[in-house]
């Protein structure tokens, strides 16, 4: 059976100014544009595709500062929420991103979510370890999250994980703030993300949450991380793409 995926990073109570969030957003979109050509053109989201296609923007610091002055992108007096789209029609192409930054995290974590392609040719280009690892580095460098990863929807649906605990996936990111990653079984690879944390890559081939061998490996890795205390500290409610 086919599986589908999304990328996400999460961080807790970190109140930041519009200027700080705009700098982070600019960095994220700039680094993301290097990962795949689909991530080089962006539009604001709207009620219809026709209207959204009239709202193309350049993801610069000044642009985000302008957006954050709009009531629709503000979370009351603290924090900002924004969504963008690459212009591709249909969820099967992925190409949507949303983030919440600077929020006081009462009930929900600050986060950045990225929809990934569900059909070829996007899946063949994007759903590879080199591209996804570069994508995760873009998210980590820009947002400095506590945790995140590239997650299998099939695997998430069968795991009964405690509310607020970090998810684990095909790729899993854990900040150094959470602790030291323990030894993990083959073929898991652990790579540093600058001086910020560790990126765990479960398999070099595409992870499939319907594949018993992959599920067993993911469960084993999650148990090891939990035993080492890396999953103990909650990150509030962790939103997922709908």
C-alpha atoms as a PDB file:
ATOM      1  CA  UNK A   1       0.000   0.000   0.000  1.00  0.00           C
ATOM      2  CA  UNK A   2       1.048   3.568  -0.627  1.00  0.00           C
ATOM      3  CA  UNK A   3       1.981   5.892   2.208  1.00  0.00           C
ATOM      4  CA  UNK A   4       1.886   9.696   2.416  1.00  0.00           C
ATOM      5  CA  UNK A   5       4.128  12.107   4.299  1.00  0.00           C
ATOM      6  CA  UNK A   6       4.492  15.571   5.747  1.00  0.00           C
ATOM      7  CA  UNK A   7       7.388  17.506   7.243  1.00  0.00           C
ATOM      8  CA  UNK A   8       7.056  19.482  10.457  1.00  0.00           C
ATOM      9  CA  UNK A   9       9.008  21.100  13.264  1.00  0.00           C
ATOM     10  CA  UNK A  10       7.741  22.171  16.684  1.00  0.00           C
ATOM     11  CA  UNK A  11       8.913  24.387  19.511  1.00  0.00           C
ATOM     12  CA  UNK A  12       7.353  25.534  22.732  1.00  0.00           C
ATOM     13  CA  UNK A  13       6.706  28.826  24.517  1.00  0.00           C
ATOM     14  CA  UNK A  14       8.954  31.292  22.656  1.00  0.00           C
ATOM     15  CA  UNK A  15       7.517  34.767  22.323  1.00  0.00           C
ATOM     16  CA  UNK A  16       9.213  36.676  19.484  1.00  0.00           C
ATOM     17  CA  UNK A  17       8.672  39.990  17.753  1.00  0.00           C
ATOM     18  CA  UNK A  18       7.356  40.480  14.232  1.00  0.00           C
ATOM     19  CA  UNK A  19      10.897  41.369  13.146  1.00  0.00           C
ATOM     20  CA  UNK A  20      12.336  38.138  14.559  1.00  0.00           C
ATOM     21  CA  UNK A  21       9.601  35.970  13.035  1.00  0.00           C
ATOM     22  CA  UNK A  22      10.008  37.730   9.678  1.00  0.00           C
ATOM     23  CA  UNK A  23      13.745  37.000   9.694  1.00  0.00           C
ATOM     24  CA  UNK A  24      13.080  33.353  10.463  1.00  0.00           C
ATOM     25  CA  UNK A  25      10.450  33.094   7.739  1.00  0.00           C
ATOM     26  CA  UNK A  26      12.747  34.698   5.153  1.00  0.00           C
ATOM     27  CA  UNK A  27      15.546  32.271   6.071  1.00  0.00           C
ATOM     28  CA  UNK A  28      13.211  29.286   5.848  1.00  0.00           C
ATOM     29  CA  UNK A  29      11.793  30.116   2.434  1.00  0.00           C
ATOM     30  CA  UNK A  30      15.244  30.976   1.078  1.00  0.00           C
ATOM     31  CA  UNK A  31      16.746  27.661   2.224  1.00  0.00           C
ATOM     32  CA  UNK A  32      13.654  25.709   1.148  1.00  0.00           C
ATOM     33  CA  UNK A  33      13.929  27.111  -2.382  1.00  0.00           C
ATOM     34  CA  UNK A  34      17.230  25.230  -2.747  1.00  0.00           C
ATOM     35  CA  UNK A  35      15.575  21.875  -2.048  1.00  0.00           C
ATOM     36  CA  UNK A  36      13.288  21.603  -5.088  1.00  0.00           C
ATOM     37  CA  UNK A  37      12.126  23.892  -7.935  1.00  0.00           C
ATOM     38  CA  UNK A  38       8.517  23.651  -6.694  1.00  0.00           C
ATOM     39  CA  UNK A  39       9.529  25.698  -3.646  1.00  0.00           C
ATOM     40  CA  UNK A  40      10.634  28.794  -5.581  1.00  0.00           C
ATOM     41  CA  UNK A  41       7.200  30.375  -6.228  1.00  0.00           C
ATOM     42  CA  UNK A  42       4.723  31.278  -3.486  1.00  0.00           C
ATOM     43  CA  UNK A  43       1.226  32.678  -3.150  1.00  0.00           C
ATOM     44  CA  UNK A  44      -0.865  33.726  -0.180  1.00  0.00           C
ATOM     45  CA  UNK A  45      -3.749  31.381   0.531  1.00  0.00           C
ATOM     46  CA  UNK A  46      -7.265  32.516  -0.340  1.00  0.00           C
ATOM     47  CA  UNK A  47     -10.858  31.280  -0.587  1.00  0.00           C
ATOM     48  CA  UNK A  48     -10.405  30.211  -4.204  1.00  0.00           C
ATOM     49  CA  UNK A  49      -7.558  29.111  -6.469  1.00  0.00           C
ATOM     50  CA  UNK A  50      -8.310  31.964  -8.864  1.00  0.00           C
ATOM     51  CA  UNK A  51      -7.986  34.557  -6.124  1.00  0.00           C
ATOM     52  CA  UNK A  52      -4.871  32.958  -4.620  1.00  0.00           C
ATOM     53  CA  UNK A  53      -3.102  33.004  -7.979  1.00  0.00           C
ATOM     54  CA  UNK A  54      -3.375  36.788  -7.883  1.00  0.00           C
ATOM     55  CA  UNK A  55      -1.505  36.910  -4.565  1.00  0.00           C
ATOM     56  CA  UNK A  56       2.029  35.894  -5.510  1.00  0.00           C
ATOM     57  CA  UNK A  57       4.707  37.280  -3.185  1.00  0.00           C
ATOM     58  CA  UNK A  58       8.466  37.303  -2.682  1.00  0.00           C
ATOM     59  CA  UNK A  59       9.265  35.726   0.710  1.00  0.00           C
ATOM     60  CA  UNK A  60      11.484  38.507   2.058  1.00  0.00           C
ATOM     61  CA  UNK A  61      11.833  39.989   5.524  1.00  0.00           C
ATOM     62  CA  UNK A  62       9.970  43.148   4.490  1.00  0.00           C
ATOM     63  CA  UNK A  63       7.158  41.140   2.910  1.00  0.00           C
ATOM     64  CA  UNK A  64       6.562  39.153   6.084  1.00  0.00           C
ATOM     65  CA  UNK A  65       6.661  42.287   8.208  1.00  0.00           C
ATOM     66  CA  UNK A  66       3.907  43.679   5.996  1.00  0.00           C
ATOM     67  CA  UNK A  67       1.890  40.485   6.321  1.00  0.00           C
ATOM     68  CA  UNK A  68       2.251  40.412  10.099  1.00  0.00           C
ATOM     69  CA  UNK A  69       0.579  43.818  10.347  1.00  0.00           C
ATOM     70  CA  UNK A  70      -2.625  42.285   8.966  1.00  0.00           C
ATOM     71  CA  UNK A  71      -5.177  41.165  11.527  1.00  0.00           C
ATOM     72  CA  UNK A  72      -5.687  37.836   9.741  1.00  0.00           C
ATOM     73  CA  UNK A  73      -2.080  36.829  10.372  1.00  0.00           C
ATOM     74  CA  UNK A  74      -1.908  37.862  14.017  1.00  0.00           C
ATOM     75  CA  UNK A  75      -2.715  35.639  17.003  1.00  0.00           C
ATOM     76  CA  UNK A  76      -4.152  38.281  19.256  1.00  0.00           C
ATOM     77  CA  UNK A  77      -1.453  40.450  20.830  1.00  0.00           C
ATOM     78  CA  UNK A  78       1.269  37.763  20.699  1.00  0.00           C
ATOM     79  CA  UNK A  79       2.368  35.624  17.785  1.00  0.00           C
ATOM     80  CA  UNK A  80       1.768  35.216  14.080  1.00  0.00           C
ATOM     81  CA  UNK A  81       0.276  32.549  11.848  1.00  0.00           C
ATOM     82  CA  UNK A  82       0.757  32.350   8.081  1.00  0.00           C
ATOM     83  CA  UNK A  83       0.068  29.944   5.224  1.00  0.00           C
ATOM     84  CA  UNK A  84       1.402  29.863   1.670  1.00  0.00           C
ATOM     85  CA  UNK A  85       0.921  27.776  -1.474  1.00  0.00           C
ATOM     86  CA  UNK A  86       3.085  26.995  -4.508  1.00  0.00           C
ATOM     87  CA  UNK A  87       0.253  27.331  -7.023  1.00  0.00           C
ATOM     88  CA  UNK A  88      -0.086  23.629  -7.774  1.00  0.00           C
ATOM     89  CA  UNK A  89      -3.665  22.401  -7.913  1.00  0.00           C
ATOM     90  CA  UNK A  90      -4.614  19.511  -5.684  1.00  0.00           C
ATOM     91  CA  UNK A  91      -3.250  18.078  -2.433  1.00  0.00           C
ATOM     92  CA  UNK A  92      -1.450  15.317  -4.351  1.00  0.00           C
ATOM     93  CA  UNK A  93       1.180  17.887  -5.394  1.00  0.00           C
ATOM     94  CA  UNK A  94       1.935  19.023  -1.848  1.00  0.00           C
ATOM     95  CA  UNK A  95       3.320  22.519  -2.016  1.00  0.00           C
ATOM     96  CA  UNK A  96       1.581  24.113   0.973  1.00  0.00           C
ATOM     97  CA  UNK A  97       3.305  25.445   4.056  1.00  0.00           C
ATOM     98  CA  UNK A  98       2.009  26.976   7.277  1.00  0.00           C
ATOM     99  CA  UNK A  99       3.726  28.282  10.377  1.00  0.00           C
ATOM    100  CA  UNK A 100       2.991  29.758  13.780  1.00  0.00           C
ATOM    101  CA  UNK A 101       5.794  31.844  15.278  1.00  0.00           C
ATOM    102  CA  UNK A 102       6.238  33.977  18.371  1.00  0.00           C
ATOM    103  CA  UNK A 103       3.201  32.538  20.147  1.00  0.00           C
ATOM    104  CA  UNK A 104       3.024  31.945  23.899  1.00  0.00           C
ATOM    105  CA  UNK A 105       2.020  28.325  23.134  1.00  0.00           C
ATOM    106  CA  UNK A 106      -0.949  28.140  25.487  1.00  0.00           C
ATOM    107  CA  UNK A 107      -2.535  24.939  24.204  1.00  0.00           C
ATOM    108  CA  UNK A 108      -0.550  24.589  20.977  1.00  0.00           C
ATOM    109  CA  UNK A 109       3.087  24.563  19.962  1.00  0.00           C
ATOM    110  CA  UNK A 110       4.757  27.010  17.634  1.00  0.00           C
ATOM    111  CA  UNK A 111       5.321  25.063  14.458  1.00  0.00           C
ATOM    112  CA  UNK A 112       6.063  24.921  10.765  1.00  0.00           C
ATOM    113  CA  UNK A 113       4.232  22.334   8.614  1.00  0.00           C
ATOM    114  CA  UNK A 114       5.041  21.433   5.016  1.00  0.00           C
ATOM    115  CA  UNK A 115       2.808  19.274   2.826  1.00  0.00           C
ATOM    116  CA  UNK A 116       4.792  16.844   0.645  1.00  0.00           C
ATOM    117  CA  UNK A 117       3.822  15.438  -2.771  1.00  0.00           C
ATOM    118  CA  UNK A 118       1.594  12.373  -2.932  1.00  0.00           C
ATOM    119  CA  UNK A 119       1.973  11.539  -6.624  1.00  0.00           C
ATOM    120  CA  UNK A 120       4.690  11.425  -9.276  1.00  0.00           C
ATOM    121  CA  UNK A 121       6.648  13.254 -10.516  1.00  0.00           C
ATOM    122  CA  UNK A 122       6.876  15.192  -7.236  1.00  0.00           C
ATOM    123  CA  UNK A 123       7.265  12.076  -5.106  1.00  0.00           C
ATOM    124  CA  UNK A 124      10.197  10.865  -7.195  1.00  0.00           C
ATOM    125  CA  UNK A 125      12.031  14.177  -6.794  1.00  0.00           C
ATOM    126  CA  UNK A 126      11.186  15.128  -3.236  1.00  0.00           C
ATOM    127  CA  UNK A 127      10.698  11.877  -1.301  1.00  0.00           C
ATOM    128  CA  UNK A 128      14.365  10.953  -1.199  1.00  0.00           C
ATOM    129  CA  UNK A 129      16.669  11.086   1.804  1.00  0.00           C
ATOM    130  CA  UNK A 130      19.048  13.748   0.366  1.00  0.00           C
ATOM    131  CA  UNK A 131      16.207  16.163  -0.449  1.00  0.00           C
ATOM    132  CA  UNK A 132      14.288  15.547   2.768  1.00  0.00           C
ATOM    133  CA  UNK A 133      17.430  15.903   4.886  1.00  0.00           C
ATOM    134  CA  UNK A 134      18.160  19.253   3.235  1.00  0.00           C
ATOM    135  CA  UNK A 135      14.551  20.268   3.820  1.00  0.00           C
ATOM    136  CA  UNK A 136      14.820  19.411   7.504  1.00  0.00           C
ATOM    137  CA  UNK A 137      18.034  21.403   7.789  1.00  0.00           C
ATOM    138  CA  UNK A 138      16.227  24.407   6.296  1.00  0.00           C
ATOM    139  CA  UNK A 139      13.477  24.081   8.896  1.00  0.00           C
ATOM    140  CA  UNK A 140      15.911  23.620  11.788  1.00  0.00           C
ATOM    141  CA  UNK A 141      18.262  26.470  10.846  1.00  0.00           C
ATOM    142  CA  UNK A 142      15.360  28.879  10.342  1.00  0.00           C
ATOM    143  CA  UNK A 143      13.073  28.015  13.263  1.00  0.00           C
ATOM    144  CA  UNK A 144      15.435  26.431  15.841  1.00  0.00           C
ATOM    145  CA  UNK A 145      12.784  23.930  16.965  1.00  0.00           C
ATOM    146  CA  UNK A 146      12.784  21.406  19.787  1.00  0.00           C
ATOM    147  CA  UNK A 147      11.795  18.497  17.557  1.00  0.00           C
ATOM    148  CA  UNK A 148      10.396  17.583  14.182  1.00  0.00           C
ATOM    149  CA  UNK A 149      10.783  15.285  11.231  1.00  0.00           C
ATOM    150  CA  UNK A 150       9.356  13.794   8.072  1.00  0.00           C
ATOM    151  CA  UNK A 151       6.395  11.742   9.198  1.00  0.00           C
ATOM    152  CA  UNK A 152       4.509   8.833   7.661  1.00  0.00           C
ATOM    153  CA  UNK A 153       0.747   9.302   7.923  1.00  0.00           C
ATOM    154  CA  UNK A 154       0.264   5.532   7.986  1.00  0.00           C
ATOM    155  CA  UNK A 155       2.699   5.114  10.883  1.00  0.00           C
ATOM    156  CA  UNK A 156       1.220   8.006  12.857  1.00  0.00           C
ATOM    157  CA  UNK A 157      -2.269   6.541  12.556  1.00  0.00           C
ATOM    158  CA  UNK A 158      -1.302   3.262  14.221  1.00  0.00           C
ATOM    159  CA  UNK A 159       0.862   4.731  17.013  1.00  0.00           C
ATOM    160  CA  UNK A 160      -0.877   5.659  20.259  1.00  0.00           C
ATOM    161  CA  UNK A 161       1.610   8.307  21.345  1.00  0.00           C
ATOM    162  CA  UNK A 162       1.202  10.363  24.535  1.00  0.00           C
ATOM    163  CA  UNK A 163      -0.251  13.807  23.877  1.00  0.00           C
ATOM    164  CA  UNK A 164       2.456  16.386  23.317  1.00  0.00           C
ATOM    165  CA  UNK A 165       5.380  13.971  23.050  1.00  0.00           C
ATOM    166  CA  UNK A 166       7.639  14.435  20.021  1.00  0.00           C
ATOM    167  CA  UNK A 167       6.653  12.348  17.017  1.00  0.00           C
ATOM    168  CA  UNK A 168       9.107   9.974  15.406  1.00  0.00           C
ATOM    169  CA  UNK A 169       9.221   9.312  11.687  1.00  0.00           C
ATOM    170  CA  UNK A 170      11.214   8.415   8.619  1.00  0.00           C
ATOM    171  CA  UNK A 171      13.426  11.356   9.563  1.00  0.00           C
ATOM    172  CA  UNK A 172      13.352  12.602  13.142  1.00  0.00           C
ATOM    173  CA  UNK A 173      14.973  15.775  14.453  1.00  0.00           C
ATOM    174  CA  UNK A 174      15.747  16.259  18.143  1.00  0.00           C
ATOM    175  CA  UNK A 175      17.392  19.359  19.573  1.00  0.00           C
ATOM    176  CA  UNK A 176      20.462  18.954  21.749  1.00  0.00           C
ATOM    177  CA  UNK A 177      18.339  20.578  24.463  1.00  0.00           C
ATOM    178  CA  UNK A 178      16.415  17.304  24.769  1.00  0.00           C
ATOM    179  CA  UNK A 179      19.497  15.200  25.492  1.00  0.00           C
ATOM    180  CA  UNK A 180      22.001  12.891  23.821  1.00  0.00           C
ATOM    181  CA  UNK A 181      20.856  10.406  21.179  1.00  0.00           C
ATOM    182  CA  UNK A 182      21.645   6.821  22.281  1.00  0.00           C
ATOM    183  CA  UNK A 183      23.158   4.143  20.013  1.00  0.00           C
ATOM    184  CA  UNK A 184      20.539   3.016  17.487  1.00  0.00           C
ATOM    185  CA  UNK A 185      20.249  -0.132  15.358  1.00  0.00           C
ATOM    186  CA  UNK A 186      21.259  -0.468  11.725  1.00  0.00           C
ATOM    187  CA  UNK A 187      20.430   0.944   9.231  1.00  0.00           C
ATOM    188  CA  UNK A 188      19.578   4.091  11.243  1.00  0.00           C
ATOM    189  CA  UNK A 189      21.925   6.985  10.525  1.00  0.00           C
ATOM    190  CA  UNK A 190      22.396   9.995  12.822  1.00  0.00           C
ATOM    191  CA  UNK A 191      23.648  13.280  11.361  1.00  0.00           C
ATOM    192  CA  UNK A 192      24.369  16.588  13.114  1.00  0.00           C
ATOM    193  CA  UNK A 193      22.417  19.672  12.092  1.00  0.00           C
ATOM    194  CA  UNK A 194      25.052  22.361  12.644  1.00  0.00           C
ATOM    195  CA  UNK A 195      25.347  22.774  16.430  1.00  0.00           C
ATOM    196  CA  UNK A 196      21.605  22.608  17.009  1.00  0.00           C
ATOM    197  CA  UNK A 197      20.644  18.938  17.191  1.00  0.00           C
ATOM    198  CA  UNK A 198      20.589  15.528  15.562  1.00  0.00           C
ATOM    199  CA  UNK A 199      18.762  14.236  12.513  1.00  0.00           C
ATOM    200  CA  UNK A 200      17.879  10.532  12.663  1.00  0.00           C
ATOM    201  CA  UNK A 201      17.285   8.803   9.318  1.00  0.00           C
ATOM    202  CA  UNK A 202      15.583   5.433   9.750  1.00  0.00           C
ATOM    203  CA  UNK A 203      16.060   3.983   6.279  1.00  0.00           C
ATOM    204  CA  UNK A 204      17.883   5.054   3.096  1.00  0.00           C
ATOM    205  CA  UNK A 205      14.910   3.813   1.053  1.00  0.00           C
ATOM    206  CA  UNK A 206      11.441   5.330   1.327  1.00  0.00           C
ATOM    207  CA  UNK A 207       9.883   4.475   4.683  1.00  0.00           C
ATOM    208  CA  UNK A 208       6.429   2.885   4.462  1.00  0.00           C
ATOM    209  CA  UNK A 209       4.147   2.779   7.488  1.00  0.00           C
ATOM    210  CA  UNK A 210       2.332  -0.211   5.983  1.00  0.00           C
ATOM    211  CA  UNK A 211       5.539  -2.266   5.854  1.00  0.00           C
ATOM    212  CA  UNK A 212       5.962  -4.435   9.006  1.00  0.00           C
ATOM    213  CA  UNK A 213       9.752  -4.325   8.801  1.00  0.00           C
ATOM    214  CA  UNK A 214       9.743  -0.519   8.759  1.00  0.00           C
ATOM    215  CA  UNK A 215       7.160  -0.308  11.543  1.00  0.00           C
ATOM    216  CA  UNK A 216       9.212  -2.632  13.746  1.00  0.00           C
ATOM    217  CA  UNK A 217      12.334  -0.531  13.198  1.00  0.00           C
ATOM    218  CA  UNK A 218      10.458   2.698  13.937  1.00  0.00           C
ATOM    219  CA  UNK A 219       9.004   1.207  17.127  1.00  0.00           C
ATOM    220  CA  UNK A 220      12.444   0.032  18.253  1.00  0.00           C
ATOM    221  CA  UNK A 221      13.981   3.456  17.669  1.00  0.00           C
ATOM    222  CA  UNK A 222      11.125   5.211  19.452  1.00  0.00           C
ATOM    223  CA  UNK A 223      11.502   2.914  22.453  1.00  0.00           C
ATOM    224  CA  UNK A 224      15.242   3.623  22.606  1.00  0.00           C
ATOM    225  CA  UNK A 225      14.690   7.379  22.457  1.00  0.00           C
ATOM    226  CA  UNK A 226      11.999   7.193  25.112  1.00  0.00           C
ATOM    227  CA  UNK A 227      14.209   5.098  27.414  1.00  0.00           C
ATOM    228  CA  UNK A 228      17.017   7.674  27.005  1.00  0.00           C
ATOM    229  CA  UNK A 229      14.607  10.436  28.080  1.00  0.00           C
ATOM    230  CA  UNK A 230      14.543  12.331  24.785  1.00  0.00           C
ATOM    231  CA  UNK A 231      10.759  12.117  24.439  1.00  0.00           C
ATOM    232  CA  UNK A 232       9.760  12.899  28.012  1.00  0.00           C
ATOM    233  CA  UNK A 233       9.389  16.671  27.899  1.00  0.00           C
ATOM    234  CA  UNK A 234       6.072  17.555  26.200  1.00  0.00           C
ATOM    235  CA  UNK A 235       5.751  20.165  23.419  1.00  0.00           C
ATOM    236  CA  UNK A 236       2.055  20.898  24.089  1.00  0.00           C
ATOM    237  CA  UNK A 237      -0.410  19.976  21.317  1.00  0.00           C
ATOM    238  CA  UNK A 238       1.367  19.080  18.064  1.00  0.00           C
ATOM    239  CA  UNK A 239      -0.704  20.021  14.985  1.00  0.00           C
ATOM    240  CA  UNK A 240      -0.563  17.931  11.810  1.00  0.00           C
ATOM    241  CA  UNK A 241      -1.652  18.766   8.247  1.00  0.00           C
ATOM    242  CA  UNK A 242      -5.308  18.035   7.484  1.00  0.00           C
END
